[in-house]
Amino acid sequence: MLSKSQIKLISSLKQKKYRLQYGLFVVEGVKTIKELLHSELVLESLYTTDPLNFNTKQVEIVSESELKRISFLKSPNKALGLFKIPKPKEINFNDLIVVLDDVRDPGNLGTIIRLCDWFGVKDLVCSQETVDCFNPKVIQATMGSVTRVNVTYLDLSKFLNETKLPSFGTFMSGTPVYSMDLPKKGILILGNEANGISSEIESLVSKKISIPRFGDLQSTESLNVATAAAIFLSEFKRR
């Protein structure tokens, strides 16, 4: 049976300040938890209605009603795990790096992490204002890809000023990406959902690139940032 302190701890991890305080984050769902158990991440505790799904000593059996009390999902998925937040690794500057400038939507960040994993991008650098990658909604959207992408939060201005790699900022008015020579090593910068790349970061961009519109009416205002990320990553890796 879950104690009040356990319920209080797990519930608090919905907020970033408590995730940082305790160094823990929540993962839900049998499939995602199993994937994380086979990674370098360290399991703190695991609560499930079906212990046969897991081969670990750190399993605590809970009832469906108890799981519902601690779950952040409308329909709990048989298991909830607490994992320790890992320390970021050193950034590899010998490949493509994706940079996010103030991306706020958890679903977008989670999808971009999955895209980085799909296209073999090892490093994702985020501004301090970007949503926390250990937010439960982000973790849910990554579907395990968070274990294979090194997510680092930095001062983007300082980071871009100090790197020697060419940086490609994504803008509506940039050069169409399909007509550009794209390097293997570089930085791809994507901006905020509503405002795009900030003026401060724009001033540090080497080249501005865009995805041209092909529709007859040309009336669509913009693409979702995660959708744009998929197209840009496909072009960078295709070359």
Protein backbone atom coordinates (compact mmCIF):
# COMPACT_ATOMS: atom_id res chain seq x y z
CA MET A 1 0.00 0.00 0.00
CA LEU A 2 1.28 3.44 -0.95
CA SER A 3 2.16 5.76 1.91
CA LYS A 4 1.15 9.42 2.05
CA SER A 5 4.80 10.44 1.67
CA GLN A 6 5.16 8.34 -1.51
CA ILE A 7 2.02 9.86 -3.02
CA LYS A 8 3.17 13.36 -2.06
CA LEU A 9 6.62 12.84 -3.59
CA ILE A 10 5.30 11.46 -6.87
CA SER A 11 2.65 14.17 -7.18
CA SER A 12 5.25 16.88 -6.57
CA LEU A 13 7.34 15.67 -9.53
CA LYS A 14 4.81 17.22 -11.89
CA GLN A 15 6.60 20.51 -11.13
CA LYS A 16 10.10 21.27 -12.37
CA LYS A 17 11.35 22.71 -9.07
CA TYR A 18 10.62 19.45 -7.25
CA ARG A 19 12.13 17.35 -10.04
CA LEU A 20 15.31 19.38 -9.58
CA GLN A 21 15.08 19.22 -5.79
CA TYR A 22 14.74 15.42 -5.66
CA GLY A 23 16.65 14.65 -8.86
CA LEU A 24 13.83 12.40 -10.06
CA PHE A 25 11.34 12.24 -12.91
CA VAL A 26 8.24 10.16 -13.66
CA VAL A 27 7.87 7.63 -16.48
CA GLU A 28 4.55 5.91 -17.23
CA GLY A 29 3.67 2.87 -19.29
CA VAL A 30 5.13 -0.65 -19.39
CA LYS A 31 6.80 -0.27 -22.80
CA THR A 32 8.53 3.03 -22.04
CA ILE A 33 9.65 1.94 -18.57
CA LYS A 34 11.14 -1.28 -20.01
CA GLU A 35 13.05 0.76 -22.58
CA LEU A 36 14.47 3.01 -19.88
CA LEU A 37 15.41 -0.02 -17.75
CA HIS A 38 17.65 -1.15 -20.62
CA SER A 39 19.39 2.24 -20.78
CA GLU A 40 21.99 3.95 -18.58
CA LEU A 41 19.25 5.60 -16.52
CA VAL A 42 18.95 4.56 -12.88
CA LEU A 43 15.63 3.33 -11.53
CA GLU A 44 14.64 4.70 -8.11
CA SER A 45 11.31 2.92 -7.65
CA LEU A 46 8.61 1.21 -9.69
CA TYR A 47 4.88 0.87 -9.01
CA THR A 48 2.73 -1.52 -11.04
CA THR A 49 -0.51 -3.47 -11.03
CA ASP A 50 1.22 -6.34 -12.88
CA PRO A 51 4.70 -7.22 -11.55
CA LEU A 52 5.14 -10.00 -14.10
CA ASN A 53 5.93 -7.29 -16.67
CA PHE A 54 9.21 -6.47 -14.93
CA ASN A 55 12.31 -8.36 -13.86
CA THR A 56 13.61 -6.06 -11.15
CA LYS A 57 13.67 -6.10 -7.35
CA GLN A 58 12.47 -2.49 -7.09
CA VAL A 59 8.85 -3.32 -7.86
CA GLU A 60 6.01 -2.39 -5.56
CA ILE A 61 2.60 -3.85 -6.36
CA VAL A 62 -0.23 -1.32 -6.24
CA SER A 63 -3.94 -1.51 -6.93
CA GLU A 64 -5.54 0.15 -9.95
CA SER A 65 -7.05 2.81 -7.68
CA GLU A 66 -3.64 3.55 -6.14
CA LEU A 67 -2.01 3.79 -9.57
CA LYS A 68 -4.73 6.20 -10.63
CA ARG A 69 -3.93 8.41 -7.60
CA ILE A 70 -0.27 8.80 -8.58
CA SER A 71 -0.63 8.77 -12.37
CA PHE A 72 -0.47 11.96 -14.45
CA LEU A 73 -2.51 10.27 -17.21
CA LYS A 74 -6.27 10.17 -17.61
CA SER A 75 -6.00 6.42 -18.24
CA PRO A 76 -3.05 4.97 -16.25
CA ASN A 77 -1.01 2.36 -18.11
CA LYS A 78 -0.29 -0.43 -15.56
CA ALA A 79 3.00 1.01 -14.31
CA LEU A 80 4.74 4.16 -13.09
CA GLY A 81 8.46 4.47 -12.50
CA LEU A 82 10.70 7.02 -10.85
CA PHE A 83 14.10 7.45 -12.47
CA LYS A 84 17.07 9.57 -11.44
CA ILE A 85 17.74 12.62 -13.62
CA PRO A 86 21.08 12.00 -15.38
CA LYS A 87 23.85 14.54 -15.71
CA PRO A 88 24.24 15.90 -19.27
CA LYS A 89 27.17 14.52 -21.25
CA GLU A 90 29.71 16.60 -23.17
CA ILE A 91 28.40 17.92 -26.48
CA ASN A 92 29.83 16.30 -29.61
CA PHE A 93 30.77 19.06 -32.07
CA ASN A 94 31.66 16.62 -34.86
CA ASP A 95 28.08 16.15 -36.01
CA LEU A 96 24.80 18.02 -36.48
CA ILE A 97 23.49 19.70 -33.32
CA VAL A 98 19.87 20.82 -32.93
CA VAL A 99 19.22 23.97 -30.89
CA LEU A 100 15.83 25.05 -29.53
CA ASP A 101 15.19 28.70 -28.73
CA ASP A 102 12.29 28.93 -26.24
CA VAL A 103 10.16 25.96 -27.34
CA ARG A 104 7.38 25.81 -24.76
CA ASP A 105 5.03 22.96 -25.73
CA PRO A 106 5.87 19.59 -24.09
CA GLY A 107 4.48 17.66 -27.04
CA ASN A 108 6.68 19.57 -29.47
CA LEU A 109 9.81 18.99 -27.41
CA GLY A 110 9.02 15.30 -26.98
CA THR A 111 8.47 14.89 -30.72
CA ILE A 112 11.69 16.76 -31.54
CA ILE A 113 13.63 14.46 -29.19
CA ARG A 114 12.14 11.48 -31.04
CA LEU A 115 13.08 13.05 -34.37
CA CYS A 116 16.66 13.59 -33.19
CA ASP A 117 16.78 9.92 -32.22
CA TRP A 118 15.31 8.86 -35.59
CA PHE A 119 17.77 10.92 -37.61
CA GLY A 120 20.79 10.05 -35.48
CA VAL A 121 21.26 13.46 -33.87
CA LYS A 122 22.97 12.86 -30.54
CA ASP A 123 22.86 16.38 -29.09
CA LEU A 124 19.91 18.69 -28.50
CA VAL A 125 20.77 22.05 -26.93
CA CYS A 126 17.91 24.03 -25.36
CA SER A 127 17.59 27.57 -24.06
CA GLN A 128 16.90 27.94 -20.35
CA GLU A 129 13.33 29.01 -21.25
CA THR A 130 12.58 25.84 -23.21
CA VAL A 131 10.25 23.36 -21.48
CA ASP A 132 12.00 20.84 -19.22
CA CYS A 133 12.77 17.58 -21.02
CA PHE A 134 11.83 15.65 -17.86
CA ASN A 135 8.34 17.11 -17.79
CA PRO A 136 5.97 14.08 -17.67
CA LYS A 137 4.27 15.11 -20.93
CA VAL A 138 7.64 15.42 -22.68
CA ILE A 139 8.75 12.01 -21.42
CA GLN A 140 5.47 10.50 -22.63
CA ALA A 141 5.94 12.02 -26.09
CA THR A 142 9.56 10.83 -26.46
CA MET A 143 8.51 7.17 -26.06
CA GLY A 144 11.97 6.25 -24.77
CA SER A 145 14.05 8.38 -27.14
CA VAL A 146 15.13 10.60 -24.25
CA THR A 147 17.59 7.80 -23.35
CA ARG A 148 19.44 8.19 -26.67
CA VAL A 149 19.56 11.97 -27.07
CA ASN A 150 21.79 14.17 -24.90
CA VAL A 151 19.62 17.16 -23.93
CA THR A 152 21.54 20.14 -22.51
CA TYR A 153 20.18 23.46 -21.23
CA LEU A 154 22.52 26.40 -21.82
CA ASP A 155 22.75 30.12 -22.39
CA LEU A 156 22.25 30.00 -26.17
CA SER A 157 23.96 33.33 -26.87
CA LYS A 158 27.11 32.19 -25.10
CA PHE A 159 26.95 28.76 -26.73
CA LEU A 160 26.62 30.16 -30.26
CA ASN A 161 29.29 32.80 -29.67
CA GLU A 162 31.79 30.18 -28.55
CA THR A 163 31.20 27.56 -31.26
CA LYS A 164 32.98 27.62 -34.61
CA LEU A 165 30.32 25.56 -36.36
CA PRO A 166 28.06 27.21 -38.97
CA SER A 167 24.58 27.87 -37.61
CA PHE A 168 21.39 27.58 -39.66
CA GLY A 169 18.41 29.51 -38.32
CA THR A 170 14.91 28.60 -39.49
CA PHE A 171 12.88 31.56 -40.79
CA MET A 172 9.91 32.10 -43.08
CA SER A 173 12.04 34.47 -45.18
CA GLY A 174 15.19 32.31 -45.35
CA THR A 175 16.76 30.63 -48.37
CA PRO A 176 14.82 27.48 -49.36
CA VAL A 177 16.55 24.52 -47.71
CA TYR A 178 16.14 22.38 -50.85
CA SER A 179 18.52 24.61 -52.83
CA MET A 180 21.30 24.81 -50.22
CA ASP A 181 24.51 22.90 -49.66
CA LEU A 182 24.21 21.55 -46.14
CA PRO A 183 27.21 20.41 -44.11
CA LYS A 184 27.47 17.26 -42.02
CA LYS A 185 28.65 19.32 -39.04
CA GLY A 186 26.60 22.35 -38.05
CA ILE A 187 23.88 23.77 -35.83
CA LEU A 188 20.18 23.78 -36.75
CA ILE A 189 18.22 26.36 -34.73
CA LEU A 190 14.44 26.20 -34.28
CA GLY A 191 12.44 28.90 -32.51
CA ASN A 192 9.43 29.49 -30.30
CA GLU A 193 6.01 28.25 -31.50
CA ALA A 194 4.48 31.74 -31.68
CA ASN A 195 7.43 34.08 -32.19
CA GLY A 196 10.12 32.02 -33.89
CA ILE A 197 13.79 32.66 -33.20
CA SER A 198 14.46 35.64 -30.91
CA SER A 199 16.22 38.74 -32.25
CA GLU A 200 19.18 38.07 -29.95
CA ILE A 201 19.74 34.61 -31.42
CA GLU A 202 18.92 35.79 -34.94
CA SER A 203 21.93 38.13 -34.82
CA LEU A 204 24.19 35.10 -34.24
CA VAL A 205 22.86 32.97 -37.10
CA SER A 206 25.26 32.22 -39.98
CA LYS A 207 22.58 31.43 -42.56
CA LYS A 208 18.80 31.73 -42.64
CA ILE A 209 16.92 28.80 -44.14
CA SER A 210 13.26 28.10 -44.83
CA ILE A 211 10.78 25.51 -46.09
CA PRO A 212 9.08 26.91 -49.21
CA ARG A 213 5.31 26.77 -49.53
CA PHE A 214 3.94 24.97 -52.58
CA GLY A 215 0.20 25.54 -52.08
CA ASP A 216 -1.59 27.67 -54.69
CA LEU A 217 -3.10 30.06 -52.15
CA GLN A 218 0.05 30.42 -50.01
CA SER A 219 -2.24 31.19 -47.09
CA THR A 220 -0.85 28.88 -44.38
CA GLU A 221 0.85 31.09 -41.81
CA SER A 222 3.53 28.64 -40.63
CA LEU A 223 4.38 25.03 -39.85
CA ASN A 224 4.35 23.45 -36.42
CA VAL A 225 7.91 23.55 -35.05
CA ALA A 226 8.13 19.75 -34.71
CA THR A 227 6.88 19.28 -38.28
CA ALA A 228 9.45 21.79 -39.50
CA ALA A 229 12.16 19.99 -37.53
CA ALA A 230 11.33 16.73 -39.32
CA ILE A 231 11.67 18.35 -42.75
CA PHE A 232 14.91 20.16 -41.94
CA LEU A 233 16.49 17.09 -40.33
CA SER A 234 15.52 14.97 -43.31
CA GLU A 235 17.26 17.43 -45.64
CA PHE A 236 20.42 17.68 -43.53
CA LYS A 237 20.73 13.91 -43.25
CA ARG A 238 19.73 13.18 -46.86
CA ARG A 239 22.75 15.09 -48.14
